[in-house]
Protein backbone atom coordinates (compact mmCIF):
# COMPACT_ATOMS: atom_id res chain seq x y z
CA MET A 1 23.24 -1.87 -50.79
CA ASN A 2 21.09 -2.88 -47.89
CA ILE A 3 21.07 -6.15 -45.97
CA ASN A 4 18.26 -7.60 -48.12
CA ASN A 5 20.29 -7.23 -51.31
CA ILE A 6 23.38 -8.79 -49.73
CA LEU A 7 21.38 -11.76 -48.44
CA GLN A 8 19.72 -12.21 -51.83
CA VAL A 9 23.13 -12.40 -53.52
CA ILE A 10 24.31 -14.98 -50.96
CA TRP A 11 21.03 -16.88 -51.45
CA ALA A 12 21.50 -16.95 -55.25
CA PHE A 13 25.12 -18.15 -54.99
CA SER A 14 24.11 -20.87 -52.53
CA ALA A 15 21.41 -22.02 -54.98
CA LEU A 16 23.91 -22.21 -57.84
CA GLY A 17 26.41 -23.98 -55.61
CA LEU A 18 23.80 -26.55 -54.62
CA ILE A 19 23.02 -27.25 -58.26
CA VAL A 20 26.67 -27.82 -59.08
CA LEU A 21 27.34 -29.98 -56.01
CA VAL A 22 24.29 -32.16 -56.57
CA LEU A 23 25.46 -32.78 -60.12
CA LEU A 24 28.93 -33.70 -58.83
CA HIS A 25 27.58 -36.42 -56.55
CA SER A 26 27.91 -39.90 -57.94
CA PRO A 27 25.21 -42.29 -56.74
CA LYS A 28 26.73 -45.46 -58.24
CA GLY A 29 29.05 -44.58 -61.09
CA ASP A 30 31.48 -41.77 -61.65
CA GLY A 31 28.81 -39.20 -62.45
CA ILE A 32 29.72 -35.75 -63.68
CA GLY A 33 32.49 -35.62 -61.07
CA ALA A 34 34.68 -37.70 -63.37
CA ILE A 35 34.68 -34.95 -65.99
CA GLY A 36 36.59 -32.49 -63.84
CA GLY A 37 39.04 -35.03 -62.49
CA GLN A 38 37.52 -34.89 -59.04
CA ALA A 39 39.16 -38.13 -57.97
CA GLN A 40 42.63 -36.61 -58.25
CA LEU A 41 41.78 -33.73 -55.90
CA PHE A 42 41.35 -35.99 -52.88
CA SER A 43 43.36 -38.84 -51.45
CA SER A 44 40.49 -41.30 -51.74
CA THR A 45 36.98 -41.59 -53.08
CA LYS A 46 35.62 -41.85 -49.55
CA SER A 47 37.10 -38.51 -48.51
CA ALA A 48 35.80 -36.91 -51.72
CA GLU A 49 32.27 -38.12 -50.97
CA ASN A 50 32.51 -36.99 -47.34
CA THR A 51 33.70 -33.54 -48.39
CA LEU A 52 30.97 -33.22 -51.03
CA ASN A 53 28.34 -34.30 -48.50
CA ARG A 54 29.49 -31.79 -45.90
CA VAL A 55 29.64 -28.88 -48.33
CA THR A 56 26.27 -29.83 -49.84
CA TRP A 57 24.61 -29.99 -46.42
CA GLY A 58 26.18 -26.68 -45.44
CA LEU A 59 24.91 -24.94 -48.57
CA ALA A 60 21.48 -26.53 -48.13
CA VAL A 61 21.22 -25.14 -44.59
CA ILE A 62 22.32 -21.68 -45.76
CA PHE A 63 19.89 -21.77 -48.69
CA LEU A 64 16.90 -22.91 -46.64
CA GLY A 65 17.68 -20.53 -43.78
CA LEU A 66 17.94 -17.56 -46.12
CA THR A 67 14.77 -18.67 -47.89
CA VAL A 68 12.85 -18.47 -44.61
CA VAL A 69 14.39 -15.15 -43.57
CA LEU A 70 13.93 -13.46 -46.95
CA SER A 71 10.39 -14.71 -47.52
CA SER A 72 9.12 -13.76 -44.05
CA ASN A 73 10.13 -10.08 -44.32
CA TRP A 74 11.79 -10.10 -40.90
CA LEU A 75 14.50 -7.70 -42.02
CA PRO A 76 14.00 -3.94 -42.27
CA LYS A 77 13.69 -2.53 -45.77
């Protein structure tokens, strides 16, 4: 496995993670997060939202950064 394949796997997992995390966000109601009992995992709803926001932003940065690197062919083949 070369570096391109490893980065493509990380890129794919970050894309799937972003999909799941965006679905877990609750704009006004409970959203899909209520299905998995998300509220019981954290001490308060505010900390759950803060944690989801931080992880979502982190995965978005990883996804977009890898998108630029992989599409520009900067890495050796």
